[in-house]
């Protein structure tokens, strides 16, 4: 199951030597799918066309090669539509009002701005009302764990952080800016983020490798007075819980009685385990490459140690195959190919499987479908996509709205229940346990419930007017 992309191939065809049907056949035979054709210029003997082709990353060069060696075909150039979207970056900074004359200039800059600076100097909290701080999030990465690519460095992580900033703005109206740090030293990262924090109302940590991500988030949460969240951990965990809440409604099983197996106990896996326990899961098995974490065992990994001390942890030391016998739920944040049909057959009735390894799930969804009641993945080309975009825009929007000091467990649980609630009882079914990322109700529902939870737990420093009695 290769990752798909779309390319545009500009070709010049010699009408005396080849026809377009032969070109389309060659593309199809090489693994491409022609989805659009645009005639750029047509002459008596030649024609130039742009051919848009859906193709896997693996087969894209094969398609181009097939045309290059065809008689009567000249490949003028090839453009990857994804790369075209990224030309010059995907975001920009624009002023909120024009500077048209000297009077405008004196208000937004010198000398008028000095009065505003003095007001903030006398009362730092005015930075929220008089600067971008009130609605600005830093999207921070060190490039050490980017998507499934791994440690590719800060420059290569910029496109992801730009994309995250776009999502903040489009889905929640929150301004965000990518900050990609050229260091992987934990202390230096913490020190740098603290140094730049005055201009931001929140910090979204992204694509920082485990186990450093745990300490960085924990320290910043304690040492800053603005909300900090590592989205790879908590965004994933929140949406998983939202999907599980609705899945359990479909199969009519209470959360306190189901047996859950989480496979892959890294940053996301640990956060998922913590979120499930906070939500009421009483029977949890946490499996990594060395087997299940043993209750009562001592581990150097602080997060594993925490899990080992939880009374809900079960089946210590067993393999994945052993853990899955009679299990109601499998949640995978590991790697492709770990789950088999035999595993699924050994689970309890109406099994729920969240196979979220990217880009290839733990099991091919089409292979798994006949043996599960509910299947979710991290992919957009199958139903029930577990996507962090459902969580982080609304969470930060709510946290900024009430000027929360942090994003606590109660706010995360409120987010999960809010996301789940967007799917109505009439809509809920095996193929629709989680709302679309484009559902306009998600962000506003999450935002409202996050503010309520922040007010309820005392971390909000501002009561928005719509929540005042």
Protein backbone atom coordinates (compact mmCIF):
# COMPACT_ATOMS: atom_id res chain seq x y z
CA UNK A 1 0.00 0.00 0.00
CA UNK A 2 2.24 2.82 -1.26
CA UNK A 3 1.70 6.48 -0.49
CA UNK A 4 -0.07 8.25 -3.37
CA UNK A 5 0.77 11.56 -4.97
CA UNK A 6 -0.17 13.54 -8.04
CA UNK A 7 2.19 14.71 -10.77
CA UNK A 8 1.75 16.88 -13.86
CA UNK A 9 3.70 15.75 -16.91
CA UNK A 10 4.01 18.19 -19.80
CA UNK A 11 4.56 16.29 -23.05
CA UNK A 12 5.04 17.29 -26.67
CA UNK A 13 3.48 14.71 -28.98
CA UNK A 14 4.39 14.15 -32.61
CA UNK A 15 1.00 13.47 -34.22
CA UNK A 16 2.60 11.50 -37.06
CA UNK A 17 4.25 9.05 -34.67
CA UNK A 18 1.93 8.64 -31.67
CA UNK A 19 -1.62 9.31 -30.52
CA UNK A 20 -2.82 10.24 -27.04
CA UNK A 21 -4.51 6.87 -26.49
CA UNK A 22 -1.11 5.18 -26.72
CA UNK A 23 0.32 7.66 -24.20
CA UNK A 24 -2.53 7.03 -21.75
CA UNK A 25 -2.05 3.26 -22.11
CA UNK A 26 1.68 3.60 -21.38
CA UNK A 27 0.94 5.63 -18.25
CA UNK A 28 -1.59 3.05 -17.06
CA UNK A 29 0.78 0.15 -17.69
CA UNK A 30 3.47 1.92 -15.65
CA UNK A 31 1.16 2.21 -12.65
CA UNK A 32 -0.32 5.68 -13.17
CA UNK A 33 -3.92 6.85 -13.39
CA UNK A 34 -4.69 9.77 -15.74
CA UNK A 35 -7.15 12.11 -13.99
CA UNK A 36 -6.92 15.25 -16.15
CA UNK A 37 -5.56 16.39 -19.52
CA UNK A 38 -5.06 20.03 -20.56
CA UNK A 39 -4.11 21.04 -24.09
CA UNK A 40 -1.50 23.80 -23.85
CA UNK A 41 -0.81 24.27 -27.54
CA UNK A 42 -2.02 22.41 -30.63
CA UNK A 43 -0.37 22.56 -34.04
CA UNK A 44 -0.66 20.68 -37.31
CA UNK A 45 2.16 18.28 -36.46
CA UNK A 46 2.59 18.52 -32.70
CA UNK A 47 0.53 19.10 -29.60
CA UNK A 48 1.64 20.01 -26.07
CA UNK A 49 -0.43 18.67 -23.19
CA UNK A 50 -0.30 18.71 -19.40
CA UNK A 51 -1.27 15.28 -18.10
CA UNK A 52 -2.22 15.03 -14.42
CA UNK A 53 -1.51 11.56 -13.10
CA UNK A 54 -2.31 9.92 -9.76
CA UNK A 55 0.57 7.64 -8.93
CA UNK A 56 2.35 6.15 -5.94
CA UNK A 57 5.66 7.67 -4.87
CA UNK A 58 7.32 4.41 -5.83
CA UNK A 59 5.90 4.38 -9.38
CA UNK A 60 6.18 8.10 -10.28
CA UNK A 61 9.60 7.85 -11.90
CA UNK A 62 8.55 4.65 -13.68
CA UNK A 63 5.67 6.54 -15.33
CA UNK A 64 7.98 9.35 -16.48
CA UNK A 65 10.53 6.85 -17.82
CA UNK A 66 7.83 5.03 -19.78
CA UNK A 67 7.00 8.25 -21.66
CA UNK A 68 10.59 9.34 -22.18
CA UNK A 69 11.34 6.21 -24.19
CA UNK A 70 8.20 6.33 -26.35
CA UNK A 71 8.71 7.25 -30.04
CA UNK A 72 7.09 10.58 -30.83
CA UNK A 73 6.89 11.70 -27.17
CA UNK A 74 9.05 14.39 -25.63
CA UNK A 75 8.75 14.97 -21.88
CA UNK A 76 9.08 18.74 -21.50
CA UNK A 77 8.97 18.78 -17.69
CA UNK A 78 7.41 17.09 -14.67
CA UNK A 79 5.86 18.88 -11.71
CA UNK A 80 4.84 17.29 -8.43
CA UNK A 81 1.65 19.07 -7.36
CA UNK A 82 2.57 18.65 -3.70
CA UNK A 83 5.90 20.42 -4.25
CA UNK A 84 4.13 23.20 -6.15
CA UNK A 85 1.95 23.89 -3.11
CA UNK A 86 5.07 24.39 -1.00
CA UNK A 87 6.90 26.82 -3.31
CA UNK A 88 7.95 29.84 -1.24
CA UNK A 89 6.37 28.36 1.87
CA UNK A 90 2.70 27.95 2.77
CA UNK A 91 2.18 30.83 5.20
CA UNK A 92 2.92 34.55 5.36
CA UNK A 93 2.65 37.44 7.84
CA UNK A 94 0.31 40.29 6.93
CA UNK A 95 -0.58 43.51 8.79
CA UNK A 96 -4.13 43.85 10.12
CA UNK A 97 -4.42 47.45 8.89
CA UNK A 98 -2.66 49.46 6.16
CA UNK A 99 -0.10 52.20 6.82
CA UNK A 100 -1.21 54.88 4.35
CA UNK A 101 0.19 58.11 5.77
CA UNK A 102 2.43 59.70 8.41
CA UNK A 103 -0.34 59.68 11.00
CA UNK A 104 -0.85 55.92 10.61
CA UNK A 105 2.90 55.40 10.94
CA UNK A 106 3.07 57.44 14.14
CA UNK A 107 0.33 55.30 15.71
CA UNK A 108 1.61 51.81 14.84
CA UNK A 109 5.28 52.70 15.31
CA UNK A 110 7.18 55.66 16.75
CA UNK A 111 6.27 57.78 18.59
CA UNK A 112 2.81 56.45 19.47
CA UNK A 113 3.92 52.88 20.13
CA UNK A 114 5.99 54.04 23.11
CA UNK A 115 2.83 54.70 25.11
CA UNK A 116 1.65 51.15 24.49
CA UNK A 117 5.05 49.75 25.49
CA UNK A 118 4.91 51.74 28.74
CA UNK A 119 1.43 50.45 29.51
CA UNK A 120 2.61 46.85 29.11
CA UNK A 121 5.73 47.59 31.19
CA UNK A 122 3.46 48.72 34.03
CA UNK A 123 1.16 45.71 33.65
CA UNK A 124 2.50 42.69 31.73
CA UNK A 125 -0.96 41.15 31.43
CA UNK A 126 -1.85 43.92 28.96
CA UNK A 127 0.31 42.09 26.41
CA UNK A 128 -2.73 39.84 25.94
CA UNK A 129 -4.95 42.73 24.90
CA UNK A 130 -2.41 44.94 23.11
CA UNK A 131 -0.23 42.44 21.18
CA UNK A 132 -0.49 39.26 19.14
CA UNK A 133 0.17 37.20 22.29
CA UNK A 134 -3.57 36.74 22.91
CA UNK A 135 -3.98 34.57 19.79
CA UNK A 136 -0.49 33.35 18.89
CA UNK A 137 0.92 29.83 19.23
CA UNK A 138 4.51 28.72 18.62
CA UNK A 139 4.76 25.41 16.76
CA UNK A 140 8.14 24.16 17.97
CA UNK A 141 10.21 21.22 16.74
CA UNK A 142 13.83 20.10 16.70
CA UNK A 143 13.30 17.87 13.65
CA UNK A 144 14.17 14.70 15.55
CA UNK A 145 11.00 12.67 14.95
CA UNK A 146 9.25 14.07 11.88
CA UNK A 147 6.27 12.02 10.66
CA UNK A 148 7.59 8.56 9.77
CA UNK A 149 10.84 10.05 8.48
CA UNK A 150 12.66 10.19 11.81
CA UNK A 151 15.55 12.51 12.63
CA UNK A 152 15.74 14.71 9.52
CA UNK A 153 16.76 17.99 11.13
CA UNK A 154 15.17 21.41 11.68
CA UNK A 155 15.20 22.66 8.07
CA UNK A 156 13.46 19.53 6.79
CA UNK A 157 10.82 19.85 9.52
CA UNK A 158 9.74 23.35 8.44
CA UNK A 159 7.10 22.18 5.90
CA UNK A 160 5.33 20.18 8.61
CA UNK A 161 5.35 23.07 11.07
CA UNK A 162 4.11 25.45 8.35
CA UNK A 163 1.29 23.03 7.64
CA UNK A 164 0.42 22.92 11.34
CA UNK A 165 0.28 26.72 11.39
CA UNK A 166 -2.09 26.66 8.41
CA UNK A 167 -4.40 24.24 10.21
CA UNK A 168 -4.46 26.38 13.34
CA UNK A 169 -5.55 29.38 11.29
CA UNK A 170 -8.01 27.71 8.94
CA UNK A 171 -9.81 25.55 11.48
CA UNK A 172 -9.73 27.74 14.61
CA UNK A 173 -8.66 31.24 13.60
CA UNK A 174 -5.55 30.88 15.79
CA UNK A 175 -2.34 32.50 14.54
CA UNK A 176 0.67 30.19 14.69
CA UNK A 177 4.28 30.35 13.58
CA UNK A 178 6.84 27.58 12.96
CA UNK A 179 9.90 27.58 15.22
CA UNK A 180 12.42 24.91 14.18
CA UNK A 181 15.39 24.69 16.53
CA UNK A 182 18.92 23.68 15.49
CA UNK A 183 19.59 21.75 18.69
CA UNK A 184 18.50 18.47 20.24
CA UNK A 185 19.90 19.27 23.67
CA UNK A 186 17.03 19.08 26.16
CA UNK A 187 18.23 21.92 28.36
CA UNK A 188 18.93 24.19 25.40
CA UNK A 189 15.49 23.53 23.92
CA UNK A 190 13.79 24.33 27.24
CA UNK A 191 15.90 27.46 27.70
CA UNK A 192 15.23 28.67 24.14
CA UNK A 193 11.46 28.16 24.35
CA UNK A 194 11.33 29.96 27.68
CA UNK A 195 13.30 32.84 26.14
CA UNK A 196 10.88 33.30 23.22
CA UNK A 197 7.71 32.63 25.24
CA UNK A 198 6.78 36.29 25.96
CA UNK A 199 5.37 36.81 22.45
CA UNK A 200 3.28 33.62 22.46
CA UNK A 201 0.03 32.67 24.21
CA UNK A 202 0.73 28.93 23.88
CA UNK A 203 3.41 26.42 22.88
CA UNK A 204 2.65 23.45 20.60
CA UNK A 205 5.55 21.00 20.72
CA UNK A 206 5.80 18.83 17.61
CA UNK A 207 7.92 15.97 16.27
CA UNK A 208 10.39 15.80 19.17
CA UNK A 209 11.73 12.32 19.80
CA UNK A 210 11.04 10.17 22.85
CA UNK A 211 11.96 10.14 25.71
CA UNK A 212 13.22 13.78 25.56
CA UNK A 213 9.74 15.01 24.61
CA UNK A 214 8.38 13.97 28.01
CA UNK A 215 10.89 15.99 30.03
CA UNK A 216 10.68 19.00 27.71
CA UNK A 217 6.90 19.18 28.00
CA UNK A 218 6.87 18.50 31.74
CA UNK A 219 9.51 21.14 32.49
CA UNK A 220 7.96 23.79 30.28
CA UNK A 221 4.53 23.17 31.76
CA UNK A 222 5.96 23.81 35.23
CA UNK A 223 8.23 26.73 34.31
CA UNK A 224 5.95 28.71 31.97
CA UNK A 225 2.59 30.32 32.74
CA UNK A 226 1.13 29.60 29.29
CA UNK A 227 -0.32 26.31 27.98
CA UNK A 228 2.19 23.82 26.57
CA UNK A 229 1.19 20.63 24.74
CA UNK A 230 3.16 18.01 22.84
CA UNK A 231 0.62 17.20 20.15
CA UNK A 232 2.21 13.92 19.05
CA UNK A 233 1.37 12.61 22.52
CA UNK A 234 -1.85 14.22 23.59
CA UNK A 235 -3.51 15.08 20.29
CA UNK A 236 -3.31 11.44 19.25
CA UNK A 237 -4.46 10.19 22.66
CA UNK A 238 -7.44 12.53 22.75
CA UNK A 239 -8.74 11.54 19.30
CA UNK A 240 -8.17 7.85 20.07
CA UNK A 241 -10.31 8.20 23.18
CA UNK A 242 -12.99 10.06 21.22
CA UNK A 243 -13.09 7.23 18.68
CA UNK A 244 -13.16 4.59 21.40
CA UNK A 245 -16.03 6.30 23.24
CA UNK A 246 -18.18 6.07 20.13
CA UNK A 247 -16.94 2.60 19.18
CA UNK A 248 -18.01 1.26 22.56
CA UNK A 249 -21.46 2.77 22.02
CA UNK A 250 -21.74 0.82 18.77
CA UNK A 251 -20.70 -2.52 20.30
CA UNK A 252 -22.57 -1.76 23.56
CA UNK A 253 -19.65 -2.42 25.91
CA UNK A 254 -18.85 -0.23 28.97
CA UNK A 255 -15.37 1.27 29.06
CA UNK A 256 -14.69 -0.15 32.51
CA UNK A 257 -15.13 -3.76 31.41
CA UNK A 258 -13.27 -3.94 28.09
CA UNK A 259 -9.77 -5.36 27.73
CA UNK A 260 -7.54 -2.98 25.79
CA UNK A 261 -4.15 -3.74 24.22
CA UNK A 262 -1.95 -0.78 23.24
CA UNK A 263 0.97 -1.71 21.01
CA UNK A 264 3.95 0.66 20.69
CA UNK A 265 4.76 2.38 23.98
CA UNK A 266 6.59 5.46 22.75
CA UNK A 267 5.43 9.06 23.11
CA UNK A 268 1.96 8.53 21.60
CA UNK A 269 1.53 5.08 23.15
CA UNK A 270 2.27 6.30 26.68
CA UNK A 271 -0.11 9.25 26.28
CA UNK A 272 -2.84 6.94 24.95
CA UNK A 273 -2.41 4.62 27.95
CA UNK A 274 -2.63 7.55 30.37
CA UNK A 275 -5.69 8.96 28.64
CA UNK A 276 -7.47 5.59 28.62
CA UNK A 277 -6.78 5.06 32.31
CA UNK A 278 -8.03 8.57 33.11
CA UNK A 279 -11.19 7.80 31.11
CA UNK A 280 -11.96 4.65 33.09
CA UNK A 281 -10.27 1.72 31.32
CA UNK A 282 -9.69 -0.96 33.99
CA UNK A 283 -7.97 -3.70 31.99
CA UNK A 284 -4.95 -2.46 30.01
CA UNK A 285 -2.02 -4.28 28.45
CA UNK A 286 0.85 -2.14 27.15
CA UNK A 287 3.04 -3.97 24.64
CA UNK A 288 6.32 -2.82 23.12
CA UNK A 289 8.91 -4.65 21.02
CA UNK A 290 10.23 -6.44 24.14
CA UNK A 291 6.80 -7.67 25.19
CA UNK A 292 4.19 -6.37 27.60
CA UNK A 293 5.20 -4.04 30.42
CA UNK A 294 5.14 -5.99 33.67
CA UNK A 295 3.13 -4.75 36.64
CA UNK A 296 5.45 -4.00 39.56
CA UNK A 297 8.63 -4.25 37.46
CA UNK A 298 11.31 -1.54 37.67
CA UNK A 299 12.16 0.30 34.42
CA UNK A 300 14.72 2.97 33.56
CA UNK A 301 12.17 4.59 31.29
CA UNK A 302 10.19 6.85 33.67
CA UNK A 303 7.01 6.57 31.60
CA UNK A 304 7.15 2.77 31.57
CA UNK A 305 7.81 2.84 35.30
CA UNK A 306 4.69 4.94 35.81
CA UNK A 307 2.64 2.46 33.78
CA UNK A 308 4.09 -0.51 35.70
CA UNK A 309 2.79 1.03 38.93
CA UNK A 310 -0.82 1.36 37.72
CA UNK A 311 -3.24 -1.23 39.17
CA UNK A 312 -5.15 -1.45 35.86
CA UNK A 313 -2.06 -2.82 34.03
CA UNK A 314 -2.34 -6.53 33.18
CA UNK A 315 -0.70 -9.44 31.33
CA UNK A 316 2.89 -8.41 32.09
CA UNK A 317 5.63 -10.10 30.08
CA UNK A 318 3.38 -11.68 27.50
CA UNK A 319 3.76 -11.31 23.74
CA UNK A 320 1.39 -9.38 21.50
CA UNK A 321 -0.17 -12.65 20.35
CA UNK A 322 -0.84 -13.72 23.93
CA UNK A 323 -2.14 -10.30 24.96
CA UNK A 324 -4.68 -10.23 22.14
CA UNK A 325 -6.42 -13.47 23.11
CA UNK A 326 -9.84 -12.36 24.33
CA UNK A 327 -9.03 -8.65 24.01
CA UNK A 328 -11.85 -6.28 23.04
CA UNK A 329 -9.71 -3.44 21.69
CA UNK A 330 -6.38 -3.18 19.86
CA UNK A 331 -4.75 0.23 19.54
CA UNK A 332 -1.57 0.29 17.47
CA UNK A 333 0.95 3.12 17.22
CA UNK A 334 3.81 0.91 16.13
CA UNK A 335 4.70 -0.31 12.65
CA UNK A 336 3.25 -2.05 9.61
CA UNK A 337 2.68 -5.77 9.44
CA UNK A 338 2.60 -6.56 13.17
CA UNK A 339 -1.06 -7.56 13.22
CA UNK A 340 -2.36 -10.67 11.46
CA UNK A 341 -5.76 -12.17 10.71
CA UNK A 342 -5.00 -14.87 13.28
CA UNK A 343 -4.57 -12.16 15.90
CA UNK A 344 -7.98 -10.73 15.02
CA UNK A 345 -9.63 -14.14 15.17
CA UNK A 346 -8.31 -14.62 18.70
CA UNK A 347 -9.89 -11.42 20.02
CA UNK A 348 -13.26 -11.17 21.79
CA UNK A 349 -16.51 -10.77 19.88
CA UNK A 350 -17.05 -7.49 18.05
CA UNK A 351 -13.36 -6.53 18.11
CA UNK A 352 -12.36 -2.87 17.81
CA UNK A 353 -9.07 -2.25 15.98
CA UNK A 354 -7.30 1.11 15.70
CA UNK A 355 -4.32 0.38 13.42
CA UNK A 356 -2.66 3.79 13.29
CA UNK A 357 0.92 3.20 12.14
CA UNK A 358 1.71 5.62 9.31
CA UNK A 359 1.92 5.50 6.42
CA UNK A 360 1.28 1.74 6.54
CA UNK A 361 -1.08 0.44 9.28
CA UNK A 362 -0.31 -2.57 11.46
CA UNK A 363 -2.58 -4.58 9.15
CA UNK A 364 -3.98 -3.92 5.69
CA UNK A 365 -7.50 -2.53 6.34
CA UNK A 366 -8.99 -4.55 3.51
CA UNK A 367 -7.49 -7.72 4.99
CA UNK A 368 -8.75 -6.87 8.47
CA UNK A 369 -12.26 -5.72 7.59
CA UNK A 370 -14.02 -9.13 7.52
CA UNK A 371 -12.75 -9.97 11.01
CA UNK A 372 -13.43 -6.79 12.97
CA UNK A 373 -16.55 -4.88 13.99
CA UNK A 374 -14.90 -1.46 13.89
CA UNK A 375 -11.66 -0.46 12.16
CA UNK A 376 -9.88 2.89 12.35
CA UNK A 377 -6.55 4.02 10.91
CA UNK A 378 -4.47 7.18 10.63
CA UNK A 379 -5.13 7.38 6.90
CA UNK A 380 -7.53 9.65 5.07
CA UNK A 381 -8.33 7.10 2.35
CA UNK A 382 -10.24 4.81 4.75
CA UNK A 383 -13.20 5.49 7.06
CA UNK A 384 -12.60 6.48 10.69
CA UNK A 385 -9.38 8.45 10.40
CA UNK A 386 -7.78 9.17 13.77
CA UNK A 387 -6.42 12.65 13.03
CA UNK A 388 -4.91 15.12 15.52
CA UNK A 389 -6.47 17.99 13.55
CA UNK A 390 -9.72 17.16 15.35
CA UNK A 391 -8.12 18.14 18.67
CA UNK A 392 -5.35 20.73 18.71
CA UNK A 393 -7.05 23.71 16.99
CA UNK A 394 -10.00 23.69 19.37
CA UNK A 395 -7.88 22.93 22.44
CA UNK A 396 -5.58 25.90 21.92
CA UNK A 397 -8.44 28.13 20.83
CA UNK A 398 -10.21 27.39 24.11
CA UNK A 399 -7.05 27.69 26.20
CA UNK A 400 -6.20 31.07 24.65
CA UNK A 401 -9.79 32.29 24.98
CA UNK A 402 -9.73 31.87 28.76
CA UNK A 403 -5.97 32.47 29.12
CA UNK A 404 -5.41 29.08 30.70
CA UNK A 405 -2.12 28.49 32.52
CA UNK A 406 -1.83 24.97 31.13
CA UNK A 407 -3.74 22.19 29.40
CA UNK A 408 -4.61 19.68 32.11
CA UNK A 409 -6.07 16.17 32.03
CA UNK A 410 -9.61 17.42 32.59
CA UNK A 411 -9.34 19.67 29.53
CA UNK A 412 -8.05 16.78 27.43
CA UNK A 413 -10.85 14.47 28.57
CA UNK A 414 -13.37 17.23 27.85
CA UNK A 415 -11.92 17.51 24.35
CA UNK A 416 -12.30 13.78 23.69
CA UNK A 417 -15.93 13.77 24.82
CA UNK A 418 -16.61 16.93 22.80
CA UNK A 419 -15.21 15.38 19.61
CA UNK A 420 -17.21 12.20 20.19
CA UNK A 421 -20.40 14.19 20.79
CA UNK A 422 -20.27 15.79 17.34
CA UNK A 423 -21.28 12.39 15.89
CA UNK A 424 -24.99 12.14 16.69
CA UNK A 425 -26.70 8.90 17.69
CA UNK A 426 -28.46 8.89 14.31
CA UNK A 427 -25.14 9.18 12.46
CA UNK A 428 -23.12 6.76 14.58
CA UNK A 429 -22.22 3.45 12.92
CA UNK A 430 -19.23 1.18 12.30
CA UNK A 431 -18.02 3.36 9.42
CA UNK A 432 -18.52 6.68 11.20
CA UNK A 433 -17.25 6.77 14.79
CA UNK A 434 -15.31 10.00 14.45
CA UNK A 435 -16.27 13.27 12.74
CA UNK A 436 -14.54 14.59 9.65
CA UNK A 437 -11.76 17.13 10.21
CA UNK A 438 -13.84 19.44 8.00
CA UNK A 439 -16.90 19.24 10.24
CA UNK A 440 -17.51 22.86 11.22
CA UNK A 441 -18.97 21.89 14.63
CA UNK A 442 -15.80 20.23 15.94
CA UNK A 443 -13.67 23.26 16.82
CA UNK A 444 -16.46 25.26 18.40
CA UNK A 445 -17.66 22.28 20.45
CA UNK A 446 -14.11 21.53 21.64
CA UNK A 447 -13.38 25.19 22.35
CA UNK A 448 -16.49 25.53 24.52
CA UNK A 449 -15.84 22.37 26.54
CA UNK A 450 -12.14 23.21 27.02
CA UNK A 451 -13.04 26.62 28.47
CA UNK A 452 -15.59 25.00 30.80
CA UNK A 453 -13.01 22.48 32.02
CA UNK A 454 -10.39 25.20 32.50
CA UNK A 455 -12.83 27.28 34.55
CA UNK A 456 -13.93 24.23 36.53
CA UNK A 457 -10.35 23.25 37.42
CA UNK A 458 -9.12 26.75 38.21
CA UNK A 459 -6.48 27.14 35.48
CA UNK A 460 -8.34 29.89 33.57
CA UNK A 461 -7.23 33.47 34.25
CA UNK A 462 -10.09 35.01 32.32
CA UNK A 463 -13.81 34.28 32.26
CA UNK A 464 -15.06 34.89 28.71
CA UNK A 465 -18.25 36.95 28.56
CA UNK A 466 -20.34 34.04 27.23
CA UNK A 467 -19.46 32.02 30.38
CA UNK A 468 -20.33 34.73 32.89
CA UNK A 469 -23.50 34.27 34.88
